[in-house]
PDB file of N, CA and C in Angstrom:
ATOM      1  N   UNK A   1     -25.090  89.667  21.844  1.00  0.00           N
ATOM      2  CA  UNK A   1     -26.070  88.181  21.451  1.00  0.00           C
ATOM      3  C   UNK A   1     -25.125  87.106  21.301  1.00  0.00           C
ATOM      4  N   UNK A   2     -25.339  86.276  22.462  1.00  0.00           N
ATOM      5  CA  UNK A   2     -25.576  84.643  22.477  1.00  0.00           C
ATOM      6  C   UNK A   2     -25.984  83.674  21.002  1.00  0.00           C
ATOM      7  N   UNK A   3     -25.112  83.337  20.111  1.00  0.00           N
ATOM      8  CA  UNK A   3     -26.293  82.526  18.925  1.00  0.00           C
ATOM      9  C   UNK A   3     -26.113  80.824  19.505  1.00  0.00           C
ATOM     10  N   UNK A   4     -27.150  80.241  19.701  1.00  0.00           N
ATOM     11  CA  UNK A   4     -26.923  78.553  19.500  1.00  0.00           C
ATOM     12  C   UNK A   4     -26.099  78.298  18.950  1.00  0.00           C
ATOM     13  N   UNK A   5     -25.790  76.755  19.840  1.00  0.00           N
ATOM     14  CA  UNK A   5     -24.448  75.903  18.873  1.00  0.00           C
ATOM     15  C   UNK A   5     -25.244  75.576  17.189  1.00  0.00           C
ATOM     16  N   UNK A   6     -26.409  75.816  17.204  1.00  0.00           N
ATOM     17  CA  UNK A   6     -26.610  74.646  16.230  1.00  0.00           C
ATOM     18  C   UNK A   6     -26.762  75.684  15.257  1.00  0.00           C
ATOM     19  N   UNK A   7     -27.016  77.076  15.543  1.00  0.00           N
ATOM     20  CA  UNK A   7     -27.284  77.892  14.616  1.00  0.00           C
ATOM     21  C   UNK A   7     -25.898  78.076  13.760  1.00  0.00           C
ATOM     22  N   UNK A   8     -25.069  78.729  14.454  1.00  0.00           N
ATOM     23  CA  UNK A   8     -23.579  79.179  14.698  1.00  0.00           C
ATOM     24  C   UNK A   8     -22.996  78.026  13.424  1.00  0.00           C
ATOM     25  N   UNK A   9     -23.779  76.890  13.292  1.00  0.00           N
ATOM     26  CA  UNK A   9     -22.808  75.800  12.307  1.00  0.00           C
ATOM     27  C   UNK A   9     -23.594  75.587  11.652  1.00  0.00           C
ATOM     28  N   UNK A  10     -24.832  76.379  11.417  1.00  0.00           N
ATOM     29  CA  UNK A  10     -25.790  76.488   9.963  1.00  0.00           C
ATOM     30  C   UNK A  10     -25.076  77.539   9.231  1.00  0.00           C
ATOM     31  N   UNK A  11     -25.094  78.555   9.381  1.00  0.00           N
ATOM     32  CA  UNK A  11     -24.244  79.791   8.864  1.00  0.00           C
ATOM     33  C   UNK A  11     -23.030  79.567   8.608  1.00  0.00           C
ATOM     34  N   UNK A  12     -22.442  78.459   8.829  1.00  0.00           N
ATOM     35  CA  UNK A  12     -21.528  78.887   8.621  1.00  0.00           C
ATOM     36  C   UNK A  12     -21.259  77.315   7.482  1.00  0.00           C
ATOM     37  N   UNK A  13     -22.281  76.743   7.312  1.00  0.00           N
ATOM     38  CA  UNK A  13     -22.425  75.846   5.714  1.00  0.00           C
ATOM     39  C   UNK A  13     -22.331  76.766   5.093  1.00  0.00           C
ATOM     40  N   UNK A  14     -21.862  76.090   3.877  1.00  0.00           N
ATOM     41  CA  UNK A  14     -21.460  77.019   2.832  1.00  0.00           C
ATOM     42  C   UNK A  14     -21.989  75.439   1.328  1.00  0.00           C
ATOM     43  N   UNK A  15     -23.019  76.859   0.527  1.00  0.00           N
ATOM     44  CA  UNK A  15     -24.068  75.881  -0.126  1.00  0.00           C
ATOM     45  C   UNK A  15     -23.183  74.938  -1.843  1.00  0.00           C
ATOM     46  N   UNK A  16     -23.140  73.975  -1.276  1.00  0.00           N
ATOM     47  CA  UNK A  16     -22.188  73.029  -2.977  1.00  0.00           C
ATOM     48  C   UNK A  16     -23.042  73.296  -3.935  1.00  0.00           C
ATOM     49  N   UNK A  17     -22.323  73.220  -5.007  1.00  0.00           N
ATOM     50  CA  UNK A  17     -22.890  72.946  -6.592  1.00  0.00           C
ATOM     51  C   UNK A  17     -22.494  71.546  -6.713  1.00  0.00           C
ATOM     52  N   UNK A  18     -23.582  71.405  -7.799  1.00  0.00           N
ATOM     53  CA  UNK A  18     -22.355  70.206  -8.892  1.00  0.00           C
ATOM     54  C   UNK A  18     -23.262  70.062 -10.235  1.00  0.00           C
ATOM     55  N   UNK A  19     -22.194  69.543 -11.064  1.00  0.00           N
ATOM     56  CA  UNK A  19     -22.616  69.941 -12.286  1.00  0.00           C
ATOM     57  C   UNK A  19     -23.737  68.809 -12.587  1.00  0.00           C
ATOM     58  N   UNK A  20     -23.524  69.015 -14.090  1.00  0.00           N
ATOM     59  CA  UNK A  20     -25.195  67.529 -15.189  1.00  0.00           C
ATOM     60  C   UNK A  20     -24.689  66.599 -14.668  1.00  0.00           C
ATOM     61  N   UNK A  21     -23.219  66.320 -14.625  1.00  0.00           N
ATOM     62  CA  UNK A  21     -22.459  65.272 -14.947  1.00  0.00           C
ATOM     63  C   UNK A  21     -22.511  63.949 -13.588  1.00  0.00           C
ATOM     64  N   UNK A  22     -22.407  65.231 -12.089  1.00  0.00           N
ATOM     65  CA  UNK A  22     -22.202  64.624 -11.515  1.00  0.00           C
ATOM     66  C   UNK A  22     -23.745  63.694 -10.488  1.00  0.00           C
ATOM     67  N   UNK A  23     -24.627  64.333 -11.017  1.00  0.00           N
ATOM     68  CA  UNK A  23     -25.986  64.323 -10.734  1.00  0.00           C
ATOM     69  C   UNK A  23     -26.141  63.234 -11.802  1.00  0.00           C
ATOM     70  N   UNK A  24     -25.958  63.233 -12.863  1.00  0.00           N
ATOM     71  CA  UNK A  24     -26.399  61.838 -13.693  1.00  0.00           C
ATOM     72  C   UNK A  24     -25.781  60.745 -12.951  1.00  0.00           C
ATOM     73  N   UNK A  25     -24.297  60.658 -13.014  1.00  0.00           N
ATOM     74  CA  UNK A  25     -23.937  59.763 -11.733  1.00  0.00           C
ATOM     75  C   UNK A  25     -24.576  59.041 -11.145  1.00  0.00           C
ATOM     76  N   UNK A  26     -24.845  59.979  -9.698  1.00  0.00           N
ATOM     77  CA  UNK A  26     -25.275  60.068  -8.900  1.00  0.00           C
ATOM     78  C   UNK A  26     -26.679  58.683  -9.036  1.00  0.00           C
ATOM     79  N   UNK A  27     -27.757  59.312  -9.922  1.00  0.00           N
ATOM     80  CA  UNK A  27     -28.985  59.132 -10.067  1.00  0.00           C
ATOM     81  C   UNK A  27     -28.633  57.842 -10.740  1.00  0.00           C
ATOM     82  N   UNK A  28     -27.493  57.436 -12.127  1.00  0.00           N
ATOM     83  CA  UNK A  28     -27.609  56.468 -11.980  1.00  0.00           C
ATOM     84  C   UNK A  28     -27.038  54.903 -10.949  1.00  0.00           C
ATOM     85  N   UNK A  29     -26.667  55.459  -9.994  1.00  0.00           N
ATOM     86  CA  UNK A  29     -25.335  54.325  -9.022  1.00  0.00           C
ATOM     87  C   UNK A  29     -26.927  54.190  -8.746  1.00  0.00           C
ATOM     88  N   UNK A  30     -27.707  54.726  -8.071  1.00  0.00           N
ATOM     89  CA  UNK A  30     -28.814  54.215  -7.099  1.00  0.00           C
ATOM     90  C   UNK A  30     -29.892  53.349  -8.543  1.00  0.00           C
ATOM     91  N   UNK A  31     -30.687  53.967  -9.662  1.00  0.00           N
ATOM     92  CA  UNK A  31     -31.619  53.285 -10.190  1.00  0.00           C
ATOM     93  C   UNK A  31     -30.837  52.150 -10.801  1.00  0.00           C
ATOM     94  N   UNK A  32     -29.410  52.628 -11.967  1.00  0.00           N
ATOM     95  CA  UNK A  32     -29.002  51.289 -12.382  1.00  0.00           C
ATOM     96  C   UNK A  32     -28.194  50.323 -11.226  1.00  0.00           C
ATOM     97  N   UNK A  33     -27.769  50.870 -10.335  1.00  0.00           N
ATOM     98  CA  UNK A  33     -26.786  49.654  -9.594  1.00  0.00           C
ATOM     99  C   UNK A  33     -27.785  48.987  -8.470  1.00  0.00           C
ATOM    100  N   UNK A  34     -28.907  49.544  -8.068  1.00  0.00           N
ATOM    101  CA  UNK A  34     -29.407  49.224  -6.903  1.00  0.00           C
ATOM    102  C   UNK A  34     -29.540  49.725  -5.822  1.00  0.00           C
ATOM    103  N   UNK A  35     -28.475  50.615  -5.372  1.00  0.00           N
ATOM    104  CA  UNK A  35     -28.317  51.850  -5.114  1.00  0.00           C
ATOM    105  C   UNK A  35     -29.080  51.876  -3.770  1.00  0.00           C
ATOM    106  N   UNK A  36     -28.644  52.397  -2.836  1.00  0.00           N
ATOM    107  CA  UNK A  36     -29.932  52.851  -1.726  1.00  0.00           C
ATOM    108  C   UNK A  36     -29.859  54.547  -1.766  1.00  0.00           C
ATOM    109  N   UNK A  37     -31.123  55.077  -1.352  1.00  0.00           N
ATOM    110  CA  UNK A  37     -30.479  57.161  -1.518  1.00  0.00           C
ATOM    111  C   UNK A  37     -29.394  57.283   0.080  1.00  0.00           C
ATOM    112  N   UNK A  38     -29.998  56.757   0.629  1.00  0.00           N
ATOM    113  CA  UNK A  38     -29.343  56.776   2.049  1.00  0.00           C
ATOM    114  C   UNK A  38     -27.868  56.642   1.939  1.00  0.00           C
ATOM    115  N   UNK A  39     -28.172  55.507   1.242  1.00  0.00           N
ATOM    116  CA  UNK A  39     -25.944  54.438   1.675  1.00  0.00           C
ATOM    117  C   UNK A  39     -25.402  55.704   0.741  1.00  0.00           C
ATOM    118  N   UNK A  40     -25.797  55.981  -0.593  1.00  0.00           N
ATOM    119  CA  UNK A  40     -25.186  56.953  -1.844  1.00  0.00           C
ATOM    120  C   UNK A  40     -24.697  58.256  -1.016  1.00  0.00           C
ATOM    121  N   UNK A  41     -25.780  58.512  -0.166  1.00  0.00           N
ATOM    122  CA  UNK A  41     -25.957  60.182   0.989  1.00  0.00           C
ATOM    123  C   UNK A  41     -24.667  59.789   1.555  1.00  0.00           C
ATOM    124  N   UNK A  42     -24.696  58.770   2.151  1.00  0.00           N
ATOM    125  CA  UNK A  42     -24.143  58.769   2.846  1.00  0.00           C
ATOM    126  C   UNK A  42     -22.348  58.487   2.684  1.00  0.00           C
ATOM    127  N   UNK A  43     -22.049  57.830   1.467  1.00  0.00           N
ATOM    128  CA  UNK A  43     -20.831  57.212   1.075  1.00  0.00           C
ATOM    129  C   UNK A  43     -19.919  59.516   0.597  1.00  0.00           C
ATOM    130  N   UNK A  44     -20.840  60.223  -0.351  1.00  0.00           N
ATOM    131  CA  UNK A  44     -21.287  60.997  -0.784  1.00  0.00           C
ATOM    132  C   UNK A  44     -20.322  62.302  -0.074  1.00  0.00           C
ATOM    133  N   UNK A  45     -21.423  62.066   1.203  1.00  0.00           N
ATOM    134  CA  UNK A  45     -21.698  62.863   1.911  1.00  0.00           C
ATOM    135  C   UNK A  45     -22.794  64.292   1.019  1.00  0.00           C
ATOM    136  N   UNK A  46     -24.289  63.694   0.645  1.00  0.00           N
ATOM    137  CA  UNK A  46     -25.116  64.358   0.269  1.00  0.00           C
ATOM    138  C   UNK A  46     -25.659  64.706   1.175  1.00  0.00           C
ATOM    139  N   UNK A  47     -26.583  65.693   0.915  1.00  0.00           N
ATOM    140  CA  UNK A  47     -28.023  65.821   1.316  1.00  0.00           C
ATOM    141  C   UNK A  47     -29.350  64.729   0.569  1.00  0.00           C
ATOM    142  N   UNK A  48     -29.827  64.013   1.095  1.00  0.00           N
ATOM    143  CA  UNK A  48     -31.114  63.357   0.818  1.00  0.00           C
ATOM    144  C   UNK A  48     -32.326  63.647   0.225  1.00  0.00           C
ATOM    145  N   UNK A  49     -32.397  65.226   0.752  1.00  0.00           N
ATOM    146  CA  UNK A  49     -33.444  65.805  -0.599  1.00  0.00           C
ATOM    147  C   UNK A  49     -32.971  66.487  -2.015  1.00  0.00           C
ATOM    148  N   UNK A  50     -31.063  66.533  -2.078  1.00  0.00           N
ATOM    149  CA  UNK A  50     -30.878  66.718  -2.766  1.00  0.00           C
ATOM    150  C   UNK A  50     -31.221  65.804  -3.907  1.00  0.00           C
ATOM    151  N   UNK A  51     -30.468  65.025  -3.721  1.00  0.00           N
ATOM    152  CA  UNK A  51     -30.796  63.201  -4.654  1.00  0.00           C
ATOM    153  C   UNK A  51     -31.671  63.181  -4.326  1.00  0.00           C
ATOM    154  N   UNK A  52     -32.690  63.513  -4.036  1.00  0.00           N
ATOM    155  CA  UNK A  52     -33.897  62.392  -4.499  1.00  0.00           C
ATOM    156  C   UNK A  52     -34.524  63.193  -5.635  1.00  0.00           C
ATOM    157  N   UNK A  53     -34.311  64.869  -5.486  1.00  0.00           N
ATOM    158  CA  UNK A  53     -34.562  65.811  -6.765  1.00  0.00           C
ATOM    159  C   UNK A  53     -33.761  65.525  -7.969  1.00  0.00           C
ATOM    160  N   UNK A  54     -32.439  65.000  -7.859  1.00  0.00           N
ATOM    161  CA  UNK A  54     -31.845  64.807  -8.801  1.00  0.00           C
ATOM    162  C   UNK A  54     -32.783  63.516  -9.378  1.00  0.00           C
ATOM    163  N   UNK A  55     -32.795  62.323  -8.481  1.00  0.00           N
ATOM    164  CA  UNK A  55     -33.720  61.209  -8.815  1.00  0.00           C
ATOM    165  C   UNK A  55     -34.967  61.377 -10.089  1.00  0.00           C
ATOM    166  N   UNK A  56     -35.523  62.346  -9.663  1.00  0.00           N
ATOM    167  CA  UNK A  56     -37.162  62.562 -10.010  1.00  0.00           C
ATOM    168  C   UNK A  56     -36.606  63.231 -11.741  1.00  0.00           C
ATOM    169  N   UNK A  57     -35.772  64.150 -11.677  1.00  0.00           N
ATOM    170  CA  UNK A  57     -35.591  64.675 -13.018  1.00  0.00           C
ATOM    171  C   UNK A  57     -34.828  63.505 -13.902  1.00  0.00           C
ATOM    172  N   UNK A  58     -34.324  62.744 -13.432  1.00  0.00           N
ATOM    173  CA  UNK A  58     -33.685  62.217 -14.142  1.00  0.00           C
ATOM    174  C   UNK A  58     -34.868  60.493 -14.380  1.00  0.00           C
ATOM    175  N   UNK A  59     -35.736  60.968 -13.870  1.00  0.00           N
ATOM    176  CA  UNK A  59     -36.986  59.281 -13.653  1.00  0.00           C
ATOM    177  C   UNK A  59     -37.472  60.654 -15.036  1.00  0.00           C
ATOM    178  N   UNK A  60     -38.008  61.679 -14.903  1.00  0.00           N
ATOM    179  CA  UNK A  60     -38.810  62.623 -15.707  1.00  0.00           C
ATOM    180  C   UNK A  60     -37.900  62.234 -17.411  1.00  0.00           C
ATOM    181  N   UNK A  61     -36.827  62.771 -17.555  1.00  0.00           N
ATOM    182  CA  UNK A  61     -35.783  62.512 -18.684  1.00  0.00           C
ATOM    183  C   UNK A  61     -35.881  61.042 -19.090  1.00  0.00           C
ATOM    184  N   UNK A  62     -35.860  59.976 -18.084  1.00  0.00           N
ATOM    185  CA  UNK A  62     -35.540  59.057 -19.524  1.00  0.00           C
ATOM    186  C   UNK A  62     -36.825  58.806 -19.519  1.00  0.00           C
ATOM    187  N   UNK A  63     -37.946  59.702 -18.973  1.00  0.00           N
ATOM    188  CA  UNK A  63     -40.066  59.204 -19.896  1.00  0.00           C
ATOM    189  C   UNK A  63     -39.958  59.591 -20.811  1.00  0.00           C
ATOM    190  N   UNK A  64     -38.829  60.624 -21.152  1.00  0.00           N
ATOM    191  CA  UNK A  64     -39.139  61.925 -22.374  1.00  0.00           C
ATOM    192  C   UNK A  64     -40.292  63.190 -21.749  1.00  0.00           C
ATOM    193  N   UNK A  65     -39.779  62.961 -20.578  1.00  0.00           N
ATOM    194  CA  UNK A  65     -40.183  64.295 -20.258  1.00  0.00           C
ATOM    195  C   UNK A  65     -39.049  65.471 -20.114  1.00  0.00           C
ATOM    196  N   UNK A  66     -39.144  66.814 -20.131  1.00  0.00           N
ATOM    197  CA  UNK A  66     -38.326  67.790 -19.718  1.00  0.00           C
ATOM    198  C   UNK A  66     -37.986  68.088 -18.223  1.00  0.00           C
ATOM    199  N   UNK A  67     -38.505  67.585 -17.458  1.00  0.00           N
ATOM    200  CA  UNK A  67     -38.439  67.827 -15.882  1.00  0.00           C
ATOM    201  C   UNK A  67     -38.070  69.592 -15.542  1.00  0.00           C
ATOM    202  N   UNK A  68     -38.281  69.467 -14.208  1.00  0.00           N
ATOM    203  CA  UNK A  68     -37.973  70.709 -13.398  1.00  0.00           C
ATOM    204  C   UNK A  68     -36.412  70.490 -13.779  1.00  0.00           C
ATOM    205  N   UNK A  69     -36.123  71.633 -13.331  1.00  0.00           N
ATOM    206  CA  UNK A  69     -34.220  72.443 -12.577  1.00  0.00           C
ATOM    207  C   UNK A  69     -34.043  72.169 -14.395  1.00  0.00           C
ATOM    208  N   UNK A  70     -31.982  72.012 -13.959  1.00  0.00           N
ATOM    209  CA  UNK A  70     -31.420  72.333 -15.464  1.00  0.00           C
ATOM    210  C   UNK A  70     -31.415  70.371 -15.592  1.00  0.00           C
ATOM    211  N   UNK A  71     -31.443  70.093 -17.034  1.00  0.00           N
ATOM    212  CA  UNK A  71     -31.355  69.031 -16.912  1.00  0.00           C
ATOM    213  C   UNK A  71     -30.158  67.347 -16.816  1.00  0.00           C
ATOM    214  N   UNK A  72     -30.178  66.773 -16.182  1.00  0.00           N
ATOM    215  CA  UNK A  72     -28.789  65.831 -16.352  1.00  0.00           C
ATOM    216  C   UNK A  72     -28.169  64.740 -17.521  1.00  0.00           C
ATOM    217  N   UNK A  73     -28.893  64.501 -18.608  1.00  0.00           N
ATOM    218  CA  UNK A  73     -28.856  63.847 -19.387  1.00  0.00           C
ATOM    219  C   UNK A  73     -27.994  64.852 -20.880  1.00  0.00           C
ATOM    220  N   UNK A  74     -27.431  64.029 -21.313  1.00  0.00           N
ATOM    221  CA  UNK A  74     -26.474  65.242 -22.802  1.00  0.00           C
ATOM    222  C   UNK A  74     -28.288  65.019 -23.521  1.00  0.00           C
ATOM    223  N   UNK A  75     -29.089  64.792 -23.890  1.00  0.00           N
ATOM    224  CA  UNK A  75     -29.788  64.480 -24.728  1.00  0.00           C
ATOM    225  C   UNK A  75     -30.763  66.104 -24.261  1.00  0.00           C
ATOM    226  N   UNK A  76     -31.160  66.076 -23.691  1.00  0.00           N
ATOM    227  CA  UNK A  76     -32.104  66.877 -23.062  1.00  0.00           C
ATOM    228  C   UNK A  76     -31.101  68.353 -22.982  1.00  0.00           C
ATOM    229  N   UNK A  77     -30.107  68.057 -22.404  1.00  0.00           N
ATOM    230  CA  UNK A  77     -29.382  69.905 -22.123  1.00  0.00           C
ATOM    231  C   UNK A  77     -29.418  70.416 -23.712  1.00  0.00           C
ATOM    232  N   UNK A  78     -29.346  68.950 -25.320  1.00  0.00           N
ATOM    233  CA  UNK A  78     -29.266  69.323 -26.428  1.00  0.00           C
ATOM    234  C   UNK A  78     -31.077  69.649 -26.960  1.00  0.00           C
ATOM    235  N   UNK A  79     -31.358  69.421 -26.284  1.00  0.00           N
ATOM    236  CA  UNK A  79     -32.838  69.700 -26.627  1.00  0.00           C
ATOM    237  C   UNK A  79     -33.413  71.228 -26.184  1.00  0.00           C
ATOM    238  N   UNK A  80     -33.088  71.342 -24.487  1.00  0.00           N
ATOM    239  CA  UNK A  80     -33.420  72.857 -24.333  1.00  0.00           C
ATOM    240  C   UNK A  80     -32.733  73.401 -25.131  1.00  0.00           C
ATOM    241  N   UNK A  81     -31.296  73.723 -25.720  1.00  0.00           N
ATOM    242  CA  UNK A  81     -30.111  74.101 -26.411  1.00  0.00           C
ATOM    243  C   UNK A  81     -31.087  74.823 -27.240  1.00  0.00           C
ATOM    244  N   UNK A  82     -31.676  73.489 -28.368  1.00  0.00           N
ATOM    245  CA  UNK A  82     -32.010  73.689 -29.219  1.00  0.00           C
ATOM    246  C   UNK A  82     -33.877  74.833 -29.244  1.00  0.00           C
ATOM    247  N   UNK A  83     -34.455  74.645 -28.011  1.00  0.00           N
ATOM    248  CA  UNK A  83     -35.623  75.214 -27.827  1.00  0.00           C
ATOM    249  C   UNK A  83     -35.147  76.520 -27.179  1.00  0.00           C
ATOM    250  N   UNK A  84     -34.292  77.222 -26.561  1.00  0.00           N
ATOM    251  CA  UNK A  84     -33.666  78.121 -26.774  1.00  0.00           C
ATOM    252  C   UNK A  84     -33.317  79.076 -27.996  1.00  0.00           C
ATOM    253  N   UNK A  85     -32.527  78.554 -29.255  1.00  0.00           N
ATOM    254  CA  UNK A  85     -32.533  79.165 -30.097  1.00  0.00           C
ATOM    255  C   UNK A  85     -33.415  78.935 -31.041  1.00  0.00           C
ATOM    256  N   UNK A  86     -34.522  77.964 -31.172  1.00  0.00           N
ATOM    257  CA  UNK A  86     -35.622  77.781 -31.986  1.00  0.00           C
ATOM    258  C   UNK A  86     -36.383  79.523 -31.363  1.00  0.00           C
ATOM    259  N   UNK A  87     -36.844  79.546 -30.238  1.00  0.00           N
ATOM    260  CA  UNK A  87     -37.689  80.477 -29.855  1.00  0.00           C
ATOM    261  C   UNK A  87     -36.723  81.618 -30.310  1.00  0.00           C
ATOM    262  N   UNK A  88     -35.952  82.163 -30.125  1.00  0.00           N
ATOM    263  CA  UNK A  88     -34.460  83.192 -30.656  1.00  0.00           C
ATOM    264  C   UNK A  88     -34.811  83.449 -31.986  1.00  0.00           C
ATOM    265  N   UNK A  89     -34.640  82.408 -32.547  1.00  0.00           N
ATOM    266  CA  UNK A  89     -35.454  82.261 -34.741  1.00  0.00           C
ATOM    267  C   UNK A  89     -36.341  83.086 -34.398  1.00  0.00           C
ATOM    268  N   UNK A  90     -37.607  82.324 -33.829  1.00  0.00           N
ATOM    269  CA  UNK A  90     -38.912  82.811 -34.230  1.00  0.00           C
ATOM    270  C   UNK A  90     -39.128  84.117 -33.780  1.00  0.00           C
ATOM    271  N   UNK A  91     -38.751  84.963 -33.174  1.00  0.00           N
ATOM    272  CA  UNK A  91     -38.633  85.988 -32.136  1.00  0.00           C
ATOM    273  C   UNK A  91     -37.647  86.479 -33.927  1.00  0.00           C
ATOM    274  N   UNK A  92     -36.838  86.156 -34.376  1.00  0.00           N
ATOM    275  CA  UNK A  92     -36.495  86.698 -35.460  1.00  0.00           C
ATOM    276  C   UNK A  92     -37.274  87.086 -36.403  1.00  0.00           C
ATOM    277  N   UNK A  93     -37.601  85.725 -36.546  1.00  0.00           N
ATOM    278  CA  UNK A  93     -38.052  85.541 -37.994  1.00  0.00           C
ATOM    279  C   UNK A  93     -39.613  87.692 -38.165  1.00  0.00           C
ATOM    280  N   UNK A  94     -40.497  87.308 -37.003  1.00  0.00           N
ATOM    281  CA  UNK A  94     -41.864  88.180 -36.452  1.00  0.00           C
ATOM    282  C   UNK A  94     -40.555  89.235 -36.962  1.00  0.00           C
ATOM    283  N   UNK A  95     -40.019  89.369 -36.029  1.00  0.00           N
ATOM    284  CA  UNK A  95     -39.139  91.257 -36.100  1.00  0.00           C
ATOM    285  C   UNK A  95     -38.974  91.736 -37.848  1.00  0.00           C
ATOM    286  N   UNK A  96     -38.160  90.649 -38.607  1.00  0.00           N
ATOM    287  CA  UNK A  96     -38.660  90.893 -39.436  1.00  0.00           C
ATOM    288  C   UNK A  96     -39.769  90.547 -40.899  1.00  0.00           C
ATOM    289  N   UNK A  97     -40.475  90.043 -39.917  1.00  0.00           N
ATOM    290  CA  UNK A  97     -41.909  90.179 -41.239  1.00  0.00           C
ATOM    291  C   UNK A  97     -42.338  91.678 -40.566  1.00  0.00           C
ATOM    292  N   UNK A  98     -42.301  91.848 -39.124  1.00  0.00           N
ATOM    293  CA  UNK A  98     -42.587  93.321 -39.408  1.00  0.00           C
ATOM    294  C   UNK A  98     -42.022  94.582 -39.541  1.00  0.00           C
ATOM    295  N   UNK A  99     -40.585  94.188 -39.376  1.00  0.00           N
ATOM    296  CA  UNK A  99     -40.004  95.460 -40.300  1.00  0.00           C
ATOM    297  C   UNK A  99     -40.347  95.510 -42.508  1.00  0.00           C
ATOM    298  N   UNK A 100     -40.623  94.245 -42.444  1.00  0.00           N
ATOM    299  CA  UNK A 100     -40.848  94.025 -43.927  1.00  0.00           C
ATOM    300  C   UNK A 100     -42.475  94.786 -44.261  1.00  0.00           C
ATOM    301  N   UNK A 101     -43.132  94.840 -43.340  1.00  0.00           N
ATOM    302  CA  UNK A 101     -44.567  95.520 -43.216  1.00  0.00           C
ATOM    303  C   UNK A 101     -44.373  96.969 -43.769  1.00  0.00           C
ATOM    304  N   UNK A 102     -44.083  96.757 -42.795  1.00  0.00           N
ATOM    305  CA  UNK A 102     -43.494  98.719 -42.432  1.00  0.00           C
ATOM    306  C   UNK A 102     -42.755  99.171 -43.718  1.00  0.00           C
ATOM    307  N   UNK A 103     -41.788  98.693 -44.429  1.00  0.00           N
ATOM    308  CA  UNK A 103     -40.921  99.527 -45.265  1.00  0.00           C
ATOM    309  C   UNK A 103     -41.889  99.090 -46.476  1.00  0.00           C
ATOM    310  N   UNK A 104     -42.316  97.972 -46.721  1.00  0.00           N
ATOM    311  CA  UNK A 104     -43.225  97.823 -47.925  1.00  0.00           C
ATOM    312  C   UNK A 104     -44.791  99.127 -47.666  1.00  0.00           C
ATOM    313  N   UNK A 105     -44.973  99.695 -46.156  1.00  0.00           N
ATOM    314  CA  UNK A 105     -46.516 100.951 -46.668  1.00  0.00           C
ATOM    315  C   UNK A 105     -45.139 101.845 -47.143  1.00  0.00           C
ATOM    316  N   UNK A 106     -43.834 101.801 -46.423  1.00  0.00           N
ATOM    317  CA  UNK A 106     -43.205 103.410 -47.187  1.00  0.00           C
ATOM    318  C   UNK A 106     -43.292 103.810 -47.823  1.00  0.00           C
ATOM    319  N   UNK A 107     -43.263 102.547 -49.664  1.00  0.00           N
ATOM    320  CA  UNK A 107     -42.830 102.697 -50.348  1.00  0.00           C
ATOM    321  C   UNK A 107     -43.784 102.664 -51.305  1.00  0.00           C
ATOM    322  N   UNK A 108     -45.250 102.698 -50.348  1.00  0.00           N
ATOM    323  CA  UNK A 108     -45.766 102.811 -51.478  1.00  0.00           C
ATOM    324  C   UNK A 108     -46.667 104.205 -51.362  1.00  0.00           C
TER     325      UNK A 108
END
């Protein structure tokens, strides 16, 4: 079977991942330094759609909203961590309440 040249190139692409610090720096370059998305993408070899998602996340976080995806700013990362911890503690309290009610019935 012959694979068209375009498809063969697409198959060899490796999906890159970037940490939150890098994404934050890219978003800040665009928003605070006034660089264009296209220029930053060309200079850093990034895909336009990914950078635009990072910008949406950055803008949402700056507006005090959680945004979608992994948080970029340290504050949002800490908020998400505390929310997970809070949820786990609520579940623990609920379990302990049920256990104490069970043992209270057993003692009667």
